Amino acid sequence: MSKQKVTGSPGEAAPKSGQYKPVKGGNEVTVPKGTTLPPTPKGGDWVLVDPSKNKSGK
C-alpha cells in the first residue's frame, strides 16, 4: 500500500493540518486544515511532511 504525498499550492486551502515544507527548499510552516497556504520563498508547491496527530491531520 503506497502513501500518496499531500501537496498544495500557495493561495490554496491546506487539505490537512500539519507541518508543510516547500518543495524547492525553505523552512517548514504549521498550517491548520482549511487555512490558506502562504507563498513559498523560492516558488513551487508545499508538501505535507508531518501531519497533525488529531482528527484534522488524518
PDB file of N, CA and C in Angstrom:
ATOM      1  N   MET A   1       0.846  -1.176   0.000  1.00  0.00           N
ATOM      2  CA  MET A   1       0.000   0.000   0.000  1.00  0.00           C
ATOM      3  C   MET A   1       0.896   1.246   0.000  1.00  0.00           C
ATOM      4  N   SER A   2       0.819   2.056  -1.046  1.00  0.00           N
ATOM      5  CA  SER A   2       1.658   3.243  -1.134  1.00  0.00           C
ATOM      6  C   SER A   2       0.908   4.463  -0.613  1.00  0.00           C
ATOM      7  N   LYS A   3       1.664   5.317   0.064  1.00  0.00           N
ATOM      8  CA  LYS A   3       1.087   6.568   0.564  1.00  0.00           C
ATOM      9  C   LYS A   3       1.302   7.645  -0.471  1.00  0.00           C
ATOM     10  N   GLN A   4       0.248   8.359  -0.798  1.00  0.00           N
ATOM     11  CA  GLN A   4       0.334   9.461  -1.738  1.00  0.00           C
ATOM     12  C   GLN A   4       0.732  10.723  -0.989  1.00  0.00           C
ATOM     13  N   LYS A   5       1.661  11.496  -1.569  1.00  0.00           N
ATOM     14  CA  LYS A   5       2.070  12.750  -0.945  1.00  0.00           C
ATOM     15  C   LYS A   5       0.927  13.749  -0.984  1.00  0.00           C
ATOM     16  N   VAL A   6       0.772  14.465   0.110  1.00  0.00           N
ATOM     17  CA  VAL A   6      -0.223  15.533   0.181  1.00  0.00           C
ATOM     18  C   VAL A   6       0.495  16.832  -0.163  1.00  0.00           C
ATOM     19  N   THR A   7       0.041  17.488  -1.225  1.00  0.00           N
ATOM     20  CA  THR A   7       0.660  18.738  -1.648  1.00  0.00           C
ATOM     21  C   THR A   7      -0.400  19.831  -1.781  1.00  0.00           C
ATOM     22  N   GLY A   8       0.064  21.056  -1.827  1.00  0.00           N
ATOM     23  CA  GLY A   8      -0.822  22.202  -2.025  1.00  0.00           C
ATOM     24  C   GLY A   8      -0.045  23.360  -2.597  1.00  0.00           C
ATOM     25  N   SER A   9      -0.719  24.180  -3.331  1.00  0.00           N
ATOM     26  CA  SER A   9      -0.104  25.364  -3.926  1.00  0.00           C
ATOM     27  C   SER A   9      -0.359  26.588  -3.050  1.00  0.00           C
ATOM     28  N   PRO A  10       0.561  27.566  -3.082  1.00  0.00           N
ATOM     29  CA  PRO A  10       0.322  28.805  -2.343  1.00  0.00           C
ATOM     30  C   PRO A  10      -1.007  29.436  -2.759  1.00  0.00           C
ATOM     31  N   GLY A  11      -1.757  29.911  -1.780  1.00  0.00           N
ATOM     32  CA  GLY A  11      -3.051  30.529  -2.047  1.00  0.00           C
ATOM     33  C   GLY A  11      -4.217  29.560  -1.965  1.00  0.00           C
ATOM     34  N   GLU A  12      -3.936  28.249  -1.937  1.00  0.00           N
ATOM     35  CA  GLU A  12      -4.986  27.237  -1.792  1.00  0.00           C
ATOM     36  C   GLU A  12      -5.187  26.921  -0.315  1.00  0.00           C
ATOM     37  N   ALA A  13      -6.335  26.342   0.005  1.00  0.00           N
ATOM     38  CA  ALA A  13      -6.595  25.901   1.378  1.00  0.00           C
ATOM     39  C   ALA A  13      -5.816  24.609   1.642  1.00  0.00           C
ATOM     40  N   ALA A  14      -5.235  24.509   2.826  1.00  0.00           N
ATOM     41  CA  ALA A  14      -4.498  23.300   3.198  1.00  0.00           C
ATOM     42  C   ALA A  14      -5.463  22.123   3.298  1.00  0.00           C
ATOM     43  N   PRO A  15      -5.161  21.000   2.617  1.00  0.00           N
ATOM     44  CA  PRO A  15      -6.054  19.850   2.660  1.00  0.00           C
ATOM     45  C   PRO A  15      -6.056  19.120   4.003  1.00  0.00           C
ATOM     46  N   LYS A  16      -4.962  19.219   4.759  1.00  0.00           N
ATOM     47  CA  LYS A  16      -4.833  18.585   6.078  1.00  0.00           C
ATOM     48  C   LYS A  16      -4.017  19.494   6.983  1.00  0.00           C
ATOM     49  N   SER A  17      -4.184  19.335   8.287  1.00  0.00           N
ATOM     50  CA  SER A  17      -3.394  20.087   9.257  1.00  0.00           C
ATOM     51  C   SER A  17      -2.028  19.438   9.427  1.00  0.00           C
ATOM     52  N   GLY A  18      -1.003  20.260   9.627  1.00  0.00           N
ATOM     53  CA  GLY A  18       0.323  19.719   9.902  1.00  0.00           C
ATOM     54  C   GLY A  18       1.435  20.643   9.456  1.00  0.00           C
ATOM     55  N   GLN A  19       2.655  20.070   9.418  1.00  0.00           N
ATOM     56  CA  GLN A  19       3.853  20.789   9.008  1.00  0.00           C
ATOM     57  C   GLN A  19       4.023  20.636   7.500  1.00  0.00           C
ATOM     58  N   TYR A  20       4.118  21.758   6.801  1.00  0.00           N
ATOM     59  CA  TYR A  20       4.327  21.772   5.353  1.00  0.00           C
ATOM     60  C   TYR A  20       5.716  22.326   5.060  1.00  0.00           C
ATOM     61  N   LYS A  21       6.386  21.724   4.069  1.00  0.00           N
ATOM     62  CA  LYS A  21       7.717  22.171   3.664  1.00  0.00           C
ATOM     63  C   LYS A  21       7.682  22.526   2.180  1.00  0.00           C
ATOM     64  N   PRO A  22       8.344  23.621   1.781  1.00  0.00           N
ATOM     65  CA  PRO A  22       8.382  23.968   0.359  1.00  0.00           C
ATOM     66  C   PRO A  22       9.144  22.909  -0.439  1.00  0.00           C
ATOM     67  N   VAL A  23       8.639  22.556  -1.611  1.00  0.00           N
ATOM     68  CA  VAL A  23       9.276  21.551  -2.462  1.00  0.00           C
ATOM     69  C   VAL A  23      10.669  22.008  -2.881  1.00  0.00           C
ATOM     70  N   LYS A  24      10.847  23.300  -3.138  1.00  0.00           N
ATOM     71  CA  LYS A  24      12.135  23.816  -3.612  1.00  0.00           C
ATOM     72  C   LYS A  24      13.055  24.261  -2.475  1.00  0.00           C
ATOM     73  N   GLY A  25      12.736  23.907  -1.253  1.00  0.00           N
ATOM     74  CA  GLY A  25      13.588  24.235  -0.110  1.00  0.00           C
ATOM     75  C   GLY A  25      13.113  25.445   0.661  1.00  0.00           C
ATOM     76  N   GLY A  26      13.388  25.423   1.938  1.00  0.00           N
ATOM     77  CA  GLY A  26      12.988  26.505   2.831  1.00  0.00           C
ATOM     78  C   GLY A  26      12.511  25.941   4.156  1.00  0.00           C
ATOM     79  N   ASN A  27      12.027  26.801   5.011  1.00  0.00           N
ATOM     80  CA  ASN A  27      11.580  26.397   6.346  1.00  0.00           C
ATOM     81  C   ASN A  27      10.180  25.801   6.316  1.00  0.00           C
ATOM     82  N   GLU A  28       9.948  24.879   7.242  1.00  0.00           N
ATOM     83  CA  GLU A  28       8.620  24.297   7.412  1.00  0.00           C
ATOM     84  C   GLU A  28       7.706  25.308   8.101  1.00  0.00           C
ATOM     85  N   VAL A  29       6.414  25.196   7.805  1.00  0.00           N
ATOM     86  CA  VAL A  29       5.415  26.016   8.471  1.00  0.00           C
ATOM     87  C   VAL A  29       4.290  25.118   8.960  1.00  0.00           C
ATOM     88  N   THR A  30       3.651  25.505  10.052  1.00  0.00           N
ATOM     89  CA  THR A  30       2.496  24.780  10.563  1.00  0.00           C
ATOM     90  C   THR A  30       1.243  25.439  10.012  1.00  0.00           C
ATOM     91  N   VAL A  31       0.385  24.620   9.381  1.00  0.00           N
ATOM     92  CA  VAL A  31      -0.821  25.159   8.755  1.00  0.00           C
ATOM     93  C   VAL A  31      -2.023  24.314   9.171  1.00  0.00           C
ATOM     94  N   PRO A  32      -3.046  24.923   9.766  1.00  0.00           N
ATOM     95  CA  PRO A  32      -4.279  24.198  10.083  1.00  0.00           C
ATOM     96  C   PRO A  32      -5.075  23.894   8.817  1.00  0.00           C
ATOM     97  N   LYS A  33      -5.815  22.812   8.839  1.00  0.00           N
ATOM     98  CA  LYS A  33      -6.655  22.421   7.710  1.00  0.00           C
ATOM     99  C   LYS A  33      -7.595  23.564   7.342  1.00  0.00           C
ATOM    100  N   GLY A  34      -7.685  23.853   6.042  1.00  0.00           N
ATOM    101  CA  GLY A  34      -8.585  24.892   5.558  1.00  0.00           C
ATOM    102  C   GLY A  34      -7.984  26.282   5.506  1.00  0.00           C
ATOM    103  N   THR A  35      -6.808  26.470   6.121  1.00  0.00           N
ATOM    104  CA  THR A  35      -6.134  27.768   6.107  1.00  0.00           C
ATOM    105  C   THR A  35      -5.372  27.922   4.793  1.00  0.00           C
ATOM    106  N   THR A  36      -5.317  29.131   4.273  1.00  0.00           N
ATOM    107  CA  THR A  36      -4.609  29.392   3.020  1.00  0.00           C
ATOM    108  C   THR A  36      -3.107  29.166   3.194  1.00  0.00           C
ATOM    109  N   LEU A  37      -2.518  28.397   2.275  1.00  0.00           N
ATOM    110  CA  LEU A  37      -1.075  28.163   2.306  1.00  0.00           C
ATOM    111  C   LEU A  37      -0.353  29.435   1.874  1.00  0.00           C
ATOM    112  N   PRO A  38       0.709  29.813   2.589  1.00  0.00           N
ATOM    113  CA  PRO A  38       1.433  31.049   2.263  1.00  0.00           C
ATOM    114  C   PRO A  38       2.302  30.881   1.015  1.00  0.00           C
ATOM    115  N   PRO A  39       2.818  32.001   0.486  1.00  0.00           N
ATOM    116  CA  PRO A  39       3.763  31.903  -0.631  1.00  0.00           C
ATOM    117  C   PRO A  39       5.032  31.160  -0.181  1.00  0.00           C
ATOM    118  N   THR A  40       5.660  30.449  -1.091  1.00  0.00           N
ATOM    119  CA  THR A  40       6.921  29.779  -0.779  1.00  0.00           C
ATOM    120  C   THR A  40       8.078  30.724  -1.086  1.00  0.00           C
ATOM    121  N   PRO A  41       9.204  30.576  -0.378  1.00  0.00           N
ATOM    122  CA  PRO A  41      10.321  31.507  -0.580  1.00  0.00           C
ATOM    123  C   PRO A  41      10.955  31.412  -1.971  1.00  0.00           C
ATOM    124  N   LYS A  42      10.940  30.223  -2.591  1.00  0.00           N
ATOM    125  CA  LYS A  42      11.605  30.039  -3.887  1.00  0.00           C
ATOM    126  C   LYS A  42      10.631  29.631  -4.985  1.00  0.00           C
ATOM    127  N   GLY A  43       9.340  29.796  -4.753  1.00  0.00           N
ATOM    128  CA  GLY A  43       8.342  29.369  -5.727  1.00  0.00           C
ATOM    129  C   GLY A  43       8.054  27.880  -5.579  1.00  0.00           C
ATOM    130  N   GLY A  44       7.029  27.408  -6.222  1.00  0.00           N
ATOM    131  CA  GLY A  44       6.678  25.994  -6.145  1.00  0.00           C
ATOM    132  C   GLY A  44       5.588  25.723  -5.126  1.00  0.00           C
ATOM    133  N   ASP A  45       5.364  24.452  -4.880  1.00  0.00           N
ATOM    134  CA  ASP A  45       4.286  23.996  -4.010  1.00  0.00           C
ATOM    135  C   ASP A  45       4.788  23.629  -2.618  1.00  0.00           C
ATOM    136  N   TRP A  46       3.821  23.317  -1.755  1.00  0.00           N
ATOM    137  CA  TRP A  46       4.089  22.822  -0.403  1.00  0.00           C
ATOM    138  C   TRP A  46       3.813  21.323  -0.369  1.00  0.00           C
ATOM    139  N   VAL A  47       4.549  20.583   0.462  1.00  0.00           N
ATOM    140  CA  VAL A  47       4.289  19.168   0.677  1.00  0.00           C
ATOM    141  C   VAL A  47       4.153  18.927   2.182  1.00  0.00           C
ATOM    142  N   LEU A  48       3.151  18.135   2.558  1.00  0.00           N
ATOM    143  CA  LEU A  48       2.914  17.813   3.970  1.00  0.00           C
ATOM    144  C   LEU A  48       3.971  16.815   4.424  1.00  0.00           C
ATOM    145  N   VAL A  49       4.774  17.183   5.433  1.00  0.00           N
ATOM    146  CA  VAL A  49       5.838  16.300   5.914  1.00  0.00           C
ATOM    147  C   VAL A  49       5.529  15.693   7.282  1.00  0.00           C
ATOM    148  N   ASP A  50       4.639  16.322   8.048  1.00  0.00           N
ATOM    149  CA  ASP A  50       4.302  15.809   9.374  1.00  0.00           C
ATOM    150  C   ASP A  50       2.853  16.172   9.694  1.00  0.00           C
ATOM    151  N   PRO A  51       1.902  15.252   9.426  1.00  0.00           N
ATOM    152  CA  PRO A  51       0.503  15.564   9.706  1.00  0.00           C
ATOM    153  C   PRO A  51       0.258  15.712  11.200  1.00  0.00           C
ATOM    154  N   SER A  52      -0.718  16.528  11.559  1.00  0.00           N
ATOM    155  CA  SER A  52      -1.107  16.697  12.961  1.00  0.00           C
ATOM    156  C   SER A  52      -1.639  15.380  13.496  1.00  0.00           C
ATOM    157  N   LYS A  53      -1.462  15.195  14.780  1.00  0.00           N
ATOM    158  CA  LYS A  53      -1.902  13.962  15.431  1.00  0.00           C
ATOM    159  C   LYS A  53      -3.321  14.102  15.974  1.00  0.00           C
ATOM    160  N   ASN A  54      -4.197  14.739  15.177  1.00  0.00           N
ATOM    161  CA  ASN A  54      -5.589  14.882  15.573  1.00  0.00           C
ATOM    162  C   ASN A  54      -6.484  14.552  14.390  1.00  0.00           C
ATOM    163  N   LYS A  55      -7.754  14.702  14.566  1.00  0.00           N
ATOM    164  CA  LYS A  55      -8.709  14.324  13.533  1.00  0.00           C
ATOM    165  C   LYS A  55      -8.491  15.075  12.213  1.00  0.00           C
ATOM    166  N   SER A  56      -8.120  16.339  12.257  1.00  0.00           N
ATOM    167  CA  SER A  56      -7.969  17.104  11.025  1.00  0.00           C
ATOM    168  C   SER A  56      -6.662  16.803  10.279  1.00  0.00           C
ATOM    169  N   GLY A  57      -5.727  16.100  10.923  1.00  0.00           N
ATOM    170  CA  GLY A  57      -4.476  15.734  10.262  1.00  0.00           C
ATOM    171  C   GLY A  57      -4.534  14.394   9.573  1.00  0.00           C
ATOM    172  N   LYS A  58      -5.644  13.675   9.734  1.00  0.00           N
ATOM    173  CA  LYS A  58      -5.758  12.337   9.144  1.00  0.00           C
ATOM    174  C   LYS A  58      -6.371  12.387   7.775  1.00  0.00           C
TER     175      LYS A  58
END
